[in-house]
Amino acid sequence: MNVLNLLFIKDGLIYQIVKNKNVLEEKAYFVNEETPENFISHQLEEVLIKQRFDEISVISALNHFTLMPEGFSEHEAGFDLISFNAPVDKENEELMLSVNKKFKIQFYYTFPKDLYKKIKELAIPVHFNFSGEKFLNSINNKSNKEIHINLYHNQCEFFAIDNQKIILYNNLDINSEVDFLYFVMFTLSKIGFGINETSFYAYGETTENETFISELQKFVKNLKIVFDNLPNKNFILN
């Protein structure tokens, strides 16, 4: 079975072609000041016609989302709830839902409508999910207070968990060590997590962000690298 994995982040697209769990091809496209308009859309088109796929898995790490308790059913309010966190364009965004039964929460998130249509037009099985839900499924919560940080290219998502309860989730841009550390320390102070009593876990692009990791280690005692997205491995947490 040929599977296409697509990961959409704030400023890029990463894809993998996988056959029988073996990565055959992997590439990342990132937006910069010189890339043309609709660059990601064009690259997606090129990826989708590479070959015949049996299945597509799409993970969105775009930071248009909101977090609600499992069972919340007023789906028509999804756009309004997301708008408290980020600007919403109903005409050009598709409203999506991902449920995490492990922690009894659900994510409403939006996905660009033009990209959604390009993928769906292939008329093959497609599974959409939000990165926060996928990330949360990979977490093995052990101690009372934990911080879990998943690093991408110039971006991270962040869970604060206290005794099996989600205290906070956020998804933000990180362009400097100062921004990253300020975010972590400010969050800890707001939610009442002490540095010495909190266990930290890092996942994702930890090699690419090794400066961030080394700076964080100067302030926290308990930091463990759980998962590193090495080339030709599964860039999305299992």
C-alpha atoms as a PDB file:
ATOM      1  CA  MET A   1       0.000   0.000   0.000  1.00  0.00           C
ATOM      2  CA  ASN A   2       1.330   3.410  -1.003  1.00  0.00           C
ATOM      3  CA  VAL A   3       0.532   6.070   1.603  1.00  0.00           C
ATOM      4  CA  LEU A   4       1.132   9.797   1.262  1.00  0.00           C
ATOM      5  CA  ASN A   5       1.730  11.624   4.549  1.00  0.00           C
ATOM      6  CA  LEU A   6       1.285  15.399   4.450  1.00  0.00           C
ATOM      7  CA  LEU A   7       2.219  17.744   7.286  1.00  0.00           C
ATOM      8  CA  PHE A   8       1.189  21.396   6.946  1.00  0.00           C
ATOM      9  CA  ILE A   9       2.942  23.867   9.260  1.00  0.00           C
ATOM     10  CA  LYS A  10       2.831  27.646   9.500  1.00  0.00           C
ATOM     11  CA  ASP A  11       5.340  28.268   6.733  1.00  0.00           C
ATOM     12  CA  GLY A  12       5.702  24.968   4.968  1.00  0.00           C
ATOM     13  CA  LEU A  13       4.688  21.563   3.711  1.00  0.00           C
ATOM     14  CA  ILE A  14       6.471  18.300   4.449  1.00  0.00           C
ATOM     15  CA  TYR A  15       5.537  15.115   2.641  1.00  0.00           C
ATOM     16  CA  GLN A  16       6.469  11.461   2.833  1.00  0.00           C
ATOM     17  CA  ILE A  17       5.675   8.601   0.499  1.00  0.00           C
ATOM     18  CA  VAL A  18       5.510   5.398   2.521  1.00  0.00           C
ATOM     19  CA  LYS A  19       5.154   1.815   1.325  1.00  0.00           C
ATOM     20  CA  ASN A  20       4.699  -0.954   3.876  1.00  0.00           C
ATOM     21  CA  LYS A  21       5.978   1.403   6.608  1.00  0.00           C
ATOM     22  CA  ASN A  22       9.197   2.109   4.680  1.00  0.00           C
ATOM     23  CA  VAL A  23       9.813   5.751   3.748  1.00  0.00           C
ATOM     24  CA  LEU A  24      10.501   5.882  -0.001  1.00  0.00           C
ATOM     25  CA  GLU A  25      10.636   9.642  -0.392  1.00  0.00           C
ATOM     26  CA  GLU A  26      10.586  12.678   1.867  1.00  0.00           C
ATOM     27  CA  LYS A  27      10.862  16.390   1.185  1.00  0.00           C
ATOM     28  CA  ALA A  28      10.082  19.716   2.844  1.00  0.00           C
ATOM     29  CA  TYR A  29       9.039  23.007   1.240  1.00  0.00           C
ATOM     30  CA  PHE A  30       9.310  26.196   3.264  1.00  0.00           C
ATOM     31  CA  VAL A  31       8.039  29.679   2.519  1.00  0.00           C
ATOM     32  CA  ASN A  32      10.430  32.621   2.640  1.00  0.00           C
ATOM     33  CA  GLU A  33      10.492  36.199   1.404  1.00  0.00           C
ATOM     34  CA  GLU A  34      11.400  35.097  -2.114  1.00  0.00           C
ATOM     35  CA  THR A  35       8.831  32.348  -2.644  1.00  0.00           C
ATOM     36  CA  PRO A  36       5.939  33.232  -4.976  1.00  0.00           C
ATOM     37  CA  GLU A  37       2.320  33.528  -3.934  1.00  0.00           C
ATOM     38  CA  ASN A  38       0.483  30.184  -3.686  1.00  0.00           C
ATOM     39  CA  PHE A  39       3.833  28.384  -3.399  1.00  0.00           C
ATOM     40  CA  ILE A  40       2.537  25.721  -1.011  1.00  0.00           C
ATOM     41  CA  SER A  41      -0.574  25.137  -3.109  1.00  0.00           C
ATOM     42  CA  HIS A  42       1.562  24.617  -6.203  1.00  0.00           C
ATOM     43  CA  GLN A  43       3.927  22.230  -4.413  1.00  0.00           C
ATOM     44  CA  LEU A  44       0.968  20.242  -3.113  1.00  0.00           C
ATOM     45  CA  GLU A  45      -0.311  19.820  -6.673  1.00  0.00           C
ATOM     46  CA  GLU A  46       3.081  18.467  -7.729  1.00  0.00           C
ATOM     47  CA  VAL A  47       3.144  15.992  -4.851  1.00  0.00           C
ATOM     48  CA  LEU A  48      -0.384  14.732  -5.464  1.00  0.00           C
ATOM     49  CA  ILE A  49       0.404  13.730  -9.071  1.00  0.00           C
ATOM     50  CA  LYS A  50       3.690  11.966  -8.307  1.00  0.00           C
ATOM     51  CA  GLN A  51       2.031   8.564  -8.382  1.00  0.00           C
ATOM     52  CA  ARG A  52      -1.143   6.684  -7.543  1.00  0.00           C
ATOM     53  CA  PHE A  53      -1.692   6.619  -3.793  1.00  0.00           C
ATOM     54  CA  ASP A  54      -3.907   4.182  -1.912  1.00  0.00           C
ATOM     55  CA  GLU A  55      -4.381   6.481   1.066  1.00  0.00           C
ATOM     56  CA  ILE A  56      -3.506   9.986   2.256  1.00  0.00           C
ATOM     57  CA  SER A  57      -2.902  11.123   5.821  1.00  0.00           C
ATOM     58  CA  VAL A  58      -3.067  14.879   6.420  1.00  0.00           C
ATOM     59  CA  ILE A  59      -1.867  16.513   9.628  1.00  0.00           C
ATOM     60  CA  SER A  60      -2.447  20.240  10.142  1.00  0.00           C
ATOM     61  CA  ALA A  61      -0.196  22.152  12.547  1.00  0.00           C
ATOM     62  CA  LEU A  62      -1.669  25.478  11.401  1.00  0.00           C
ATOM     63  CA  ASN A  63      -2.511  27.553  14.449  1.00  0.00           C
ATOM     64  CA  HIS A  64      -6.184  28.183  13.767  1.00  0.00           C
ATOM     65  CA  PHE A  65      -7.795  26.089  16.499  1.00  0.00           C
ATOM     66  CA  THR A  66      -9.693  25.946  19.759  1.00  0.00           C
ATOM     67  CA  LEU A  67      -9.867  23.326  22.498  1.00  0.00           C
ATOM     68  CA  MET A  68     -13.145  22.066  23.981  1.00  0.00           C
ATOM     69  CA  PRO A  69     -14.290  19.230  26.279  1.00  0.00           C
ATOM     70  CA  GLU A  70     -15.186  15.949  24.581  1.00  0.00           C
ATOM     71  CA  GLY A  71     -18.888  15.819  23.828  1.00  0.00           C
ATOM     72  CA  PHE A  72     -19.302  19.501  22.980  1.00  0.00           C
ATOM     73  CA  SER A  73     -21.717  19.282  20.062  1.00  0.00           C
ATOM     74  CA  GLU A  74     -22.495  22.842  19.020  1.00  0.00           C
ATOM     75  CA  HIS A  75     -20.389  22.433  15.910  1.00  0.00           C
ATOM     76  CA  GLU A  76     -21.893  25.493  14.246  1.00  0.00           C
ATOM     77  CA  ALA A  77     -20.068  27.574  16.875  1.00  0.00           C
ATOM     78  CA  GLY A  78     -16.676  26.196  15.805  1.00  0.00           C
ATOM     79  CA  PHE A  79     -15.674  29.178  13.676  1.00  0.00           C
ATOM     80  CA  ASP A  80     -16.696  31.640  16.393  1.00  0.00           C
ATOM     81  CA  LEU A  81     -14.724  29.760  19.035  1.00  0.00           C
ATOM     82  CA  ILE A  82     -11.613  29.660  16.853  1.00  0.00           C
ATOM     83  CA  SER A  83     -11.941  33.394  16.175  1.00  0.00           C
ATOM     84  CA  PHE A  84     -11.084  34.091  19.830  1.00  0.00           C
ATOM     85  CA  ASN A  85      -7.597  32.697  19.122  1.00  0.00           C
ATOM     86  CA  ALA A  86      -6.972  33.625  15.480  1.00  0.00           C
ATOM     87  CA  PRO A  87      -8.584  35.447  12.544  1.00  0.00           C
ATOM     88  CA  VAL A  88     -11.088  33.260  10.697  1.00  0.00           C
ATOM     89  CA  ASP A  89     -12.023  33.416   7.013  1.00  0.00           C
ATOM     90  CA  LYS A  90     -15.159  31.292   6.605  1.00  0.00           C
ATOM     91  CA  GLU A  91     -15.112  31.621   2.817  1.00  0.00           C
ATOM     92  CA  ASN A  92     -11.625  30.194   2.482  1.00  0.00           C
ATOM     93  CA  GLU A  93     -11.289  27.831   5.448  1.00  0.00           C
ATOM     94  CA  GLU A  94     -12.804  24.419   6.095  1.00  0.00           C
ATOM     95  CA  LEU A  95     -13.971  23.745   9.659  1.00  0.00           C
ATOM     96  CA  MET A  96     -12.600  20.452  11.007  1.00  0.00           C
ATOM     97  CA  LEU A  97     -12.974  18.419  14.215  1.00  0.00           C
ATOM     98  CA  SER A  98     -10.537  16.041  15.935  1.00  0.00           C
ATOM     99  CA  VAL A  99     -11.491  14.180  19.124  1.00  0.00           C
ATOM    100  CA  ASN A 100      -8.989  12.853  21.659  1.00  0.00           C
ATOM    101  CA  LYS A 101     -10.699  10.219  23.800  1.00  0.00           C
ATOM    102  CA  LYS A 102      -7.572   9.560  25.854  1.00  0.00           C
ATOM    103  CA  PHE A 103      -7.790  12.977  27.553  1.00  0.00           C
ATOM    104  CA  LYS A 104     -11.493  13.581  26.796  1.00  0.00           C
ATOM    105  CA  ILE A 105     -11.021  16.754  24.762  1.00  0.00           C
ATOM    106  CA  GLN A 106     -11.640  17.809  21.173  1.00  0.00           C
ATOM    107  CA  PHE A 107     -10.112  20.300  18.789  1.00  0.00           C
ATOM    108  CA  TYR A 108     -11.942  22.492  16.323  1.00  0.00           C
ATOM    109  CA  TYR A 109      -9.513  23.687  13.689  1.00  0.00           C
ATOM    110  CA  THR A 110      -9.593  25.148  10.217  1.00  0.00           C
ATOM    111  CA  PHE A 111      -7.794  24.028   7.092  1.00  0.00           C
ATOM    112  CA  PRO A 112      -7.362  26.091   3.887  1.00  0.00           C
ATOM    113  CA  LYS A 113     -10.288  25.288   1.626  1.00  0.00           C
ATOM    114  CA  ASP A 114      -8.274  25.338  -1.608  1.00  0.00           C
ATOM    115  CA  LEU A 115      -5.812  22.755  -0.245  1.00  0.00           C
ATOM    116  CA  TYR A 116      -8.675  20.680   1.148  1.00  0.00           C
ATOM    117  CA  LYS A 117     -10.365  20.528  -2.267  1.00  0.00           C
ATOM    118  CA  LYS A 118      -7.153  19.577  -4.098  1.00  0.00           C
ATOM    119  CA  ILE A 119      -6.664  16.614  -1.770  1.00  0.00           C
ATOM    120  CA  LYS A 120     -10.300  15.483  -1.775  1.00  0.00           C
ATOM    121  CA  GLU A 121     -10.510  15.668  -5.587  1.00  0.00           C
ATOM    122  CA  LEU A 122      -8.301  12.578  -5.829  1.00  0.00           C
ATOM    123  CA  ALA A 123     -11.280  10.560  -4.586  1.00  0.00           C
ATOM    124  CA  ILE A 124      -9.193   8.178  -2.473  1.00  0.00           C
ATOM    125  CA  PRO A 125      -9.373   7.555   1.303  1.00  0.00           C
ATOM    126  CA  VAL A 126      -8.107  10.619   3.201  1.00  0.00           C
ATOM    127  CA  HIS A 127      -7.714  11.045   6.944  1.00  0.00           C
ATOM    128  CA  PHE A 128      -7.427  14.593   8.313  1.00  0.00           C
ATOM    129  CA  ASN A 129      -6.208  15.299  11.828  1.00  0.00           C
ATOM    130  CA  PHE A 130      -4.934  18.170  13.939  1.00  0.00           C
ATOM    131  CA  SER A 131      -1.322  18.026  15.129  1.00  0.00           C
ATOM    132  CA  GLY A 132      -2.324  18.708  18.729  1.00  0.00           C
ATOM    133  CA  GLU A 133      -4.568  15.645  18.812  1.00  0.00           C
ATOM    134  CA  LYS A 134      -1.912  13.470  17.156  1.00  0.00           C
ATOM    135  CA  PHE A 135       0.746  14.770  19.554  1.00  0.00           C
ATOM    136  CA  LEU A 136      -1.463  14.212  22.590  1.00  0.00           C
ATOM    137  CA  ASN A 137      -1.977  10.567  21.625  1.00  0.00           C
ATOM    138  CA  SER A 138       1.782  10.005  21.757  1.00  0.00           C
ATOM    139  CA  ILE A 139       2.161  11.349  25.302  1.00  0.00           C
ATOM    140  CA  ASN A 140       2.553   8.950  28.207  1.00  0.00           C
ATOM    141  CA  ASN A 141       1.676  11.078  31.207  1.00  0.00           C
ATOM    142  CA  LYS A 142       3.435   9.874  34.385  1.00  0.00           C
ATOM    143  CA  SER A 143       4.103  12.531  37.013  1.00  0.00           C
ATOM    144  CA  ASN A 144       1.908  15.274  38.420  1.00  0.00           C
ATOM    145  CA  LYS A 145       3.165  18.289  36.494  1.00  0.00           C
ATOM    146  CA  GLU A 146       4.549  17.894  32.966  1.00  0.00           C
ATOM    147  CA  ILE A 147       5.356  20.143  30.009  1.00  0.00           C
ATOM    148  CA  HIS A 148       5.429  18.493  26.558  1.00  0.00           C
ATOM    149  CA  ILE A 149       6.950  20.500  23.690  1.00  0.00           C
ATOM    150  CA  ASN A 150       6.736  19.399  20.045  1.00  0.00           C
ATOM    151  CA  LEU A 151       9.136  21.365  17.815  1.00  0.00           C
ATOM    152  CA  TYR A 152       8.701  22.104  14.129  1.00  0.00           C
ATOM    153  CA  HIS A 153      10.493  24.446  11.735  1.00  0.00           C
ATOM    154  CA  ASN A 154      10.163  27.889  13.423  1.00  0.00           C
ATOM    155  CA  GLN A 155       7.137  26.650  15.352  1.00  0.00           C
ATOM    156  CA  CYS A 156       6.199  24.614  18.415  1.00  0.00           C
ATOM    157  CA  GLU A 157       3.159  23.221  20.165  1.00  0.00           C
ATOM    158  CA  PHE A 158       2.999  22.881  23.890  1.00  0.00           C
ATOM    159  CA  PHE A 159       0.936  20.904  26.417  1.00  0.00           C
ATOM    160  CA  ALA A 160       0.873  21.504  30.172  1.00  0.00           C
ATOM    161  CA  ILE A 161      -0.537  18.481  32.000  1.00  0.00           C
ATOM    162  CA  ASP A 162      -1.208  18.097  35.705  1.00  0.00           C
ATOM    163  CA  ASN A 163      -2.202  14.649  36.988  1.00  0.00           C
ATOM    164  CA  GLN A 164      -3.865  13.492  33.736  1.00  0.00           C
ATOM    165  CA  LYS A 165      -5.613  16.849  33.196  1.00  0.00           C
ATOM    166  CA  ILE A 166      -4.837  19.179  30.294  1.00  0.00           C
ATOM    167  CA  ILE A 167      -4.126  22.582  31.800  1.00  0.00           C
ATOM    168  CA  LEU A 168      -3.045  24.352  28.617  1.00  0.00           C
ATOM    169  CA  TYR A 169      -2.341  23.806  24.932  1.00  0.00           C
ATOM    170  CA  ASN A 170      -0.801  26.343  22.600  1.00  0.00           C
ATOM    171  CA  ASN A 171       0.714  26.451  19.125  1.00  0.00           C
ATOM    172  CA  LEU A 172       2.993  29.360  18.275  1.00  0.00           C
ATOM    173  CA  ASP A 173       5.785  30.690  16.097  1.00  0.00           C
ATOM    174  CA  ILE A 174       9.319  30.619  17.492  1.00  0.00           C
ATOM    175  CA  ASN A 175      11.940  32.642  15.677  1.00  0.00           C
ATOM    176  CA  SER A 176      14.481  33.129  18.448  1.00  0.00           C
ATOM    177  CA  GLU A 177      15.722  31.503  21.636  1.00  0.00           C
ATOM    178  CA  VAL A 178      14.443  34.509  23.590  1.00  0.00           C
ATOM    179  CA  ASP A 179      10.902  34.066  22.250  1.00  0.00           C
ATOM    180  CA  PHE A 180      10.961  30.375  23.029  1.00  0.00           C
ATOM    181  CA  LEU A 181      12.229  30.721  26.588  1.00  0.00           C
ATOM    182  CA  TYR A 182       9.938  33.655  27.339  1.00  0.00           C
ATOM    183  CA  PHE A 183       6.967  31.616  26.223  1.00  0.00           C
ATOM    184  CA  VAL A 184       7.900  28.639  28.404  1.00  0.00           C
ATOM    185  CA  MET A 185       8.726  30.664  31.512  1.00  0.00           C
ATOM    186  CA  PHE A 186       5.748  33.007  31.180  1.00  0.00           C
ATOM    187  CA  THR A 187       3.425  30.023  30.799  1.00  0.00           C
ATOM    188  CA  LEU A 188       4.846  28.290  33.869  1.00  0.00           C
ATOM    189  CA  SER A 189       4.321  31.379  36.007  1.00  0.00           C
ATOM    190  CA  LYS A 190       0.731  31.799  34.808  1.00  0.00           C
ATOM    191  CA  ILE A 191      -0.343  28.218  35.512  1.00  0.00           C
ATOM    192  CA  GLY A 192       1.599  27.833  38.762  1.00  0.00           C
ATOM    193  CA  PHE A 193       4.075  25.154  37.634  1.00  0.00           C
ATOM    194  CA  GLY A 194       7.331  25.394  39.562  1.00  0.00           C
ATOM    195  CA  ILE A 195      10.567  24.823  37.606  1.00  0.00           C
ATOM    196  CA  ASN A 196      11.912  22.188  39.984  1.00  0.00           C
ATOM    197  CA  GLU A 197       8.662  20.242  40.334  1.00  0.00           C
ATOM    198  CA  THR A 198       7.897  20.067  36.609  1.00  0.00           C
ATOM    199  CA  SER A 199       9.141  17.421  34.164  1.00  0.00           C
ATOM    200  CA  PHE A 200       9.855  18.605  30.610  1.00  0.00           C
ATOM    201  CA  TYR A 201       9.683  16.461  27.474  1.00  0.00           C
ATOM    202  CA  ALA A 202      10.784  17.522  23.965  1.00  0.00           C
ATOM    203  CA  TYR A 203       9.750  15.934  20.669  1.00  0.00           C
ATOM    204  CA  GLY A 204       9.984  16.645  16.953  1.00  0.00           C
ATOM    205  CA  GLU A 205      12.697  18.732  15.293  1.00  0.00           C
ATOM    206  CA  THR A 206      14.979  18.670  18.308  1.00  0.00           C
ATOM    207  CA  THR A 207      18.170  18.447  16.228  1.00  0.00           C
ATOM    208  CA  GLU A 208      17.195  21.444  14.090  1.00  0.00           C
ATOM    209  CA  ASN A 209      16.303  23.335  17.275  1.00  0.00           C
ATOM    210  CA  GLU A 210      19.246  22.171  19.388  1.00  0.00           C
ATOM    211  CA  THR A 211      20.038  25.765  20.429  1.00  0.00           C
ATOM    212  CA  PHE A 212      16.546  26.113  21.880  1.00  0.00           C
ATOM    213  CA  ILE A 213      16.973  22.828  23.725  1.00  0.00           C
ATOM    214  CA  SER A 214      20.382  23.778  25.148  1.00  0.00           C
ATOM    215  CA  GLU A 215      19.047  27.146  26.329  1.00  0.00           C
ATOM    216  CA  LEU A 216      16.072  25.486  27.985  1.00  0.00           C
ATOM    217  CA  GLN A 217      18.394  23.051  29.780  1.00  0.00           C
ATOM    218  CA  LYS A 218      20.033  26.015  31.519  1.00  0.00           C
ATOM    219  CA  PHE A 219      16.784  26.757  33.330  1.00  0.00           C
ATOM    220  CA  VAL A 220      15.080  23.396  33.910  1.00  0.00           C
ATOM    221  CA  LYS A 221      16.338  20.371  35.825  1.00  0.00           C
ATOM    222  CA  ASN A 222      14.255  17.590  34.317  1.00  0.00           C
ATOM    223  CA  LEU A 223      14.334  17.603  30.507  1.00  0.00           C
ATOM    224  CA  LYS A 224      14.098  14.494  28.337  1.00  0.00           C
ATOM    225  CA  ILE A 225      14.352  14.252  24.530  1.00  0.00           C
ATOM    226  CA  VAL A 226      11.631  11.734  23.709  1.00  0.00           C
ATOM    227  CA  PHE A 227      11.503  11.796  19.926  1.00  0.00           C
ATOM    228  CA  ASP A 228      13.719  13.304  17.245  1.00  0.00           C
ATOM    229  CA  ASN A 229      12.418  13.633  13.675  1.00  0.00           C
ATOM    230  CA  LEU A 230      15.390  12.213  11.831  1.00  0.00           C
ATOM    231  CA  PRO A 231      15.368  12.083   7.999  1.00  0.00           C
ATOM    232  CA  ASN A 232      13.423   9.185   6.487  1.00  0.00           C
ATOM    233  CA  LYS A 233      11.741   8.394   9.772  1.00  0.00           C
ATOM    234  CA  ASN A 234       8.131   9.123  10.602  1.00  0.00           C
ATOM    235  CA  PHE A 235       8.084  12.916  10.936  1.00  0.00           C
ATOM    236  CA  ILE A 236       4.658  12.710  12.522  1.00  0.00           C
ATOM    237  CA  LEU A 237       4.440  11.180  15.959  1.00  0.00           C
ATOM    238  CA  ASN A 238       2.964   7.683  16.043  1.00  0.00           C
END
